[in-house]
N, C-alpha and C. Protein backbone atom coordinates (compact mmCIF):
# COMPACT_ATOMS: atom_id res chain seq x y z
N MET A 1 45.45 13.10 26.98
CA MET A 1 45.81 12.68 28.31
C MET A 1 47.01 11.75 28.29
N VAL A 2 47.11 10.94 27.27
CA VAL A 2 48.19 9.96 27.19
C VAL A 2 49.52 10.62 26.87
N VAL A 3 49.49 11.74 26.15
CA VAL A 3 50.72 12.38 25.70
C VAL A 3 51.61 12.77 26.88
N GLY A 4 51.02 13.14 27.98
CA GLY A 4 51.81 13.50 29.15
C GLY A 4 52.56 12.33 29.76
N ASN A 5 52.18 11.13 29.42
CA ASN A 5 52.81 9.93 29.96
C ASN A 5 53.63 9.17 28.93
N LEU A 6 54.02 9.82 27.85
CA LEU A 6 54.75 9.12 26.79
C LEU A 6 56.07 8.53 27.29
N SER A 7 56.78 9.26 28.12
CA SER A 7 58.05 8.72 28.61
C SER A 7 57.83 7.49 29.48
N LEU A 8 56.77 7.48 30.27
CA LEU A 8 56.45 6.31 31.08
C LEU A 8 56.06 5.12 30.21
N ILE A 9 55.27 5.37 29.18
CA ILE A 9 54.87 4.31 28.26
C ILE A 9 56.10 3.74 27.54
N ALA A 10 56.96 4.63 27.07
CA ALA A 10 58.18 4.19 26.37
C ALA A 10 59.06 3.36 27.29
N HIS A 11 59.20 3.78 28.52
CA HIS A 11 60.03 3.03 29.48
C HIS A 11 59.41 1.67 29.82
N THR A 12 58.11 1.64 30.02
CA THR A 12 57.42 0.40 30.38
C THR A 12 57.54 -0.65 29.29
N TYR A 13 57.40 -0.25 28.04
CA TYR A 13 57.43 -1.20 26.93
C TYR A 13 58.80 -1.28 26.26
N HIS A 14 59.82 -0.65 26.85
CA HIS A 14 61.19 -0.69 26.34
C HIS A 14 61.26 -0.22 24.89
N GLN A 15 60.71 0.97 24.66
CA GLN A 15 60.67 1.56 23.33
C GLN A 15 61.29 2.94 23.38
N THR A 16 61.53 3.47 22.19
CA THR A 16 61.95 4.86 22.12
C THR A 16 60.72 5.75 22.27
N LEU A 17 60.97 7.00 22.54
CA LEU A 17 59.87 7.95 22.70
C LEU A 17 59.10 8.12 21.38
N SER A 18 59.80 8.09 20.26
CA SER A 18 59.12 8.26 18.97
C SER A 18 58.24 7.05 18.62
N GLN A 19 58.64 5.85 19.02
CA GLN A 19 57.79 4.69 18.79
C GLN A 19 56.50 4.79 19.59
N SER A 20 56.62 5.22 20.83
CA SER A 20 55.42 5.38 21.67
C SER A 20 54.53 6.49 21.14
N ALA A 21 55.12 7.55 20.65
CA ALA A 21 54.34 8.65 20.09
C ALA A 21 53.60 8.19 18.84
N SER A 22 54.20 7.33 18.05
CA SER A 22 53.54 6.81 16.85
C SER A 22 52.31 5.99 17.22
N ILE A 23 52.43 5.17 18.25
CA ILE A 23 51.29 4.36 18.69
C ILE A 23 50.15 5.26 19.17
N VAL A 24 50.48 6.31 19.90
CA VAL A 24 49.45 7.24 20.38
C VAL A 24 48.82 7.98 19.21
N SER A 25 49.61 8.32 18.20
CA SER A 25 49.06 9.00 17.02
C SER A 25 48.10 8.11 16.25
N VAL A 26 48.45 6.84 16.09
CA VAL A 26 47.56 5.90 15.41
C VAL A 26 46.26 5.76 16.18
N PHE A 27 46.36 5.68 17.49
CA PHE A 27 45.19 5.60 18.35
C PHE A 27 44.28 6.82 18.15
N ALA A 28 44.86 8.01 18.15
CA ALA A 28 44.08 9.24 18.00
C ALA A 28 43.44 9.35 16.62
N TRP A 29 44.18 9.01 15.57
CA TRP A 29 43.64 9.06 14.22
C TRP A 29 42.51 8.05 14.03
N THR A 30 42.66 6.88 14.62
CA THR A 30 41.61 5.87 14.51
C THR A 30 40.31 6.38 15.11
N TYR A 31 40.41 7.00 16.27
CA TYR A 31 39.20 7.53 16.90
C TYR A 31 38.64 8.72 16.14
N ALA A 32 39.50 9.55 15.59
CA ALA A 32 39.02 10.72 14.84
C ALA A 32 38.26 10.31 13.58
N ILE A 33 38.70 9.24 12.94
CA ILE A 33 38.05 8.78 11.72
C ILE A 33 36.82 7.92 12.03
N ALA A 34 36.93 7.06 13.02
CA ALA A 34 35.87 6.10 13.30
C ALA A 34 34.65 6.71 14.00
N THR A 35 34.84 7.73 14.79
CA THR A 35 33.73 8.28 15.56
C THR A 35 32.57 8.77 14.70
N PRO A 36 32.78 9.63 13.71
CA PRO A 36 31.64 10.06 12.90
C PRO A 36 31.01 8.92 12.09
N LEU A 37 31.85 8.00 11.63
CA LEU A 37 31.32 6.87 10.87
C LEU A 37 30.45 5.98 11.75
N LEU A 38 30.88 5.74 12.97
CA LEU A 38 30.07 4.94 13.89
C LEU A 38 28.77 5.66 14.27
N ALA A 39 28.86 6.96 14.44
CA ALA A 39 27.65 7.73 14.78
C ALA A 39 26.60 7.61 13.67
N LEU A 40 27.03 7.67 12.43
CA LEU A 40 26.09 7.55 11.32
C LEU A 40 25.56 6.13 11.15
N SER A 41 26.42 5.15 11.32
CA SER A 41 26.01 3.78 11.06
C SER A 41 25.22 3.14 12.20
N THR A 42 25.26 3.70 13.39
CA THR A 42 24.54 3.11 14.53
C THR A 42 23.29 3.90 14.89
N ASN A 43 22.88 4.79 14.03
CA ASN A 43 21.73 5.64 14.33
C ASN A 43 20.42 4.86 14.41
N ARG A 44 20.34 3.71 13.80
CA ARG A 44 19.08 2.96 13.76
C ARG A 44 18.91 1.99 14.93
N PHE A 45 19.91 1.84 15.77
CA PHE A 45 19.85 0.89 16.88
C PHE A 45 19.30 1.52 18.15
N ASN A 46 18.82 0.69 19.05
CA ASN A 46 18.36 1.14 20.36
C ASN A 46 19.56 1.72 21.13
N LYS A 47 19.41 2.92 21.60
CA LYS A 47 20.55 3.63 22.23
C LYS A 47 21.05 2.93 23.49
N ARG A 48 20.15 2.44 24.31
CA ARG A 48 20.57 1.81 25.57
C ARG A 48 21.35 0.52 25.34
N SER A 49 20.83 -0.35 24.48
CA SER A 49 21.54 -1.61 24.23
C SER A 49 22.85 -1.36 23.50
N LEU A 50 22.87 -0.39 22.60
CA LEU A 50 24.10 -0.03 21.91
C LEU A 50 25.15 0.48 22.89
N PHE A 51 24.72 1.35 23.80
CA PHE A 51 25.63 1.89 24.80
C PHE A 51 26.23 0.78 25.66
N LEU A 52 25.39 -0.12 26.15
CA LEU A 52 25.88 -1.20 27.01
C LEU A 52 26.81 -2.15 26.25
N THR A 53 26.49 -2.44 25.01
CA THR A 53 27.34 -3.31 24.21
C THR A 53 28.71 -2.67 23.96
N LEU A 54 28.71 -1.41 23.55
CA LEU A 54 29.98 -0.73 23.29
C LEU A 54 30.78 -0.49 24.56
N LEU A 55 30.09 -0.30 25.68
CA LEU A 55 30.79 -0.17 26.95
C LEU A 55 31.49 -1.47 27.32
N ALA A 56 30.85 -2.60 27.06
CA ALA A 56 31.46 -3.91 27.33
C ALA A 56 32.66 -4.14 26.40
N VAL A 57 32.55 -3.74 25.14
CA VAL A 57 33.67 -3.88 24.21
C VAL A 57 34.83 -3.00 24.65
N PHE A 58 34.54 -1.78 25.07
CA PHE A 58 35.59 -0.87 25.54
C PHE A 58 36.26 -1.43 26.79
N LEU A 59 35.49 -1.97 27.70
CA LEU A 59 36.06 -2.55 28.92
C LEU A 59 36.95 -3.73 28.59
N ALA A 60 36.52 -4.60 27.69
CA ALA A 60 37.33 -5.75 27.29
C ALA A 60 38.63 -5.30 26.63
N GLY A 61 38.56 -4.31 25.77
CA GLY A 61 39.77 -3.79 25.12
C GLY A 61 40.72 -3.16 26.11
N THR A 62 40.18 -2.45 27.09
CA THR A 62 41.01 -1.82 28.10
C THR A 62 41.71 -2.87 28.96
N LEU A 63 40.99 -3.90 29.35
CA LEU A 63 41.59 -4.95 30.17
C LEU A 63 42.66 -5.72 29.39
N LEU A 64 42.38 -6.05 28.14
CA LEU A 64 43.38 -6.73 27.32
C LEU A 64 44.60 -5.86 27.10
N SER A 65 44.38 -4.57 26.91
CA SER A 65 45.48 -3.64 26.71
C SER A 65 46.34 -3.50 27.97
N ALA A 66 45.70 -3.52 29.11
CA ALA A 66 46.44 -3.36 30.36
C ALA A 66 47.39 -4.52 30.62
N PHE A 67 47.05 -5.70 30.15
CA PHE A 67 47.88 -6.88 30.40
C PHE A 67 48.70 -7.29 29.18
N ALA A 68 48.77 -6.45 28.17
CA ALA A 68 49.54 -6.77 26.97
C ALA A 68 51.04 -6.72 27.27
N PRO A 69 51.78 -7.71 26.82
CA PRO A 69 53.21 -7.74 27.11
C PRO A 69 54.02 -6.75 26.28
N ARG A 70 53.54 -6.35 25.14
CA ARG A 70 54.24 -5.41 24.26
C ARG A 70 53.29 -4.30 23.85
N ALA A 71 53.86 -3.15 23.52
CA ALA A 71 53.04 -1.98 23.18
C ALA A 71 52.26 -2.19 21.89
N TYR A 72 52.84 -2.87 20.91
CA TYR A 72 52.10 -3.05 19.66
C TYR A 72 50.88 -3.92 19.86
N ARG A 73 50.93 -4.89 20.77
CA ARG A 73 49.75 -5.68 21.08
C ARG A 73 48.72 -4.84 21.83
N SER A 74 49.19 -3.95 22.64
CA SER A 74 48.30 -3.05 23.36
C SER A 74 47.50 -2.19 22.37
N SER A 75 48.16 -1.73 21.32
CA SER A 75 47.45 -0.90 20.33
C SER A 75 46.42 -1.71 19.54
N TYR A 76 46.65 -3.01 19.35
CA TYR A 76 45.66 -3.84 18.69
C TYR A 76 44.37 -3.91 19.50
N PHE A 77 44.49 -4.04 20.79
CA PHE A 77 43.32 -4.17 21.63
C PHE A 77 42.57 -2.85 21.77
N ARG A 78 43.26 -1.75 21.71
CA ARG A 78 42.63 -0.44 21.89
C ARG A 78 42.08 0.13 20.60
N GLY A 79 42.65 -0.20 19.50
CA GLY A 79 42.22 0.39 18.22
C GLY A 79 41.18 -0.39 17.61
């Protein structure tokens, strides 16, 4: 979904298109690697409390990312 907005992201953060694409690639690779590992390591926890905790972490990361002054800081909050 983000790939369609690369030019907007690059313009907003005053970057080249390739720099923005690199940030999106790191984001995608992080999720591709972390998802199965998290699924295996969180299997022993209560599903409801785990869901609510991770939803709160995701919300905090999204809010911090939305107000980040630079794109590299935005990637820290999202990754």
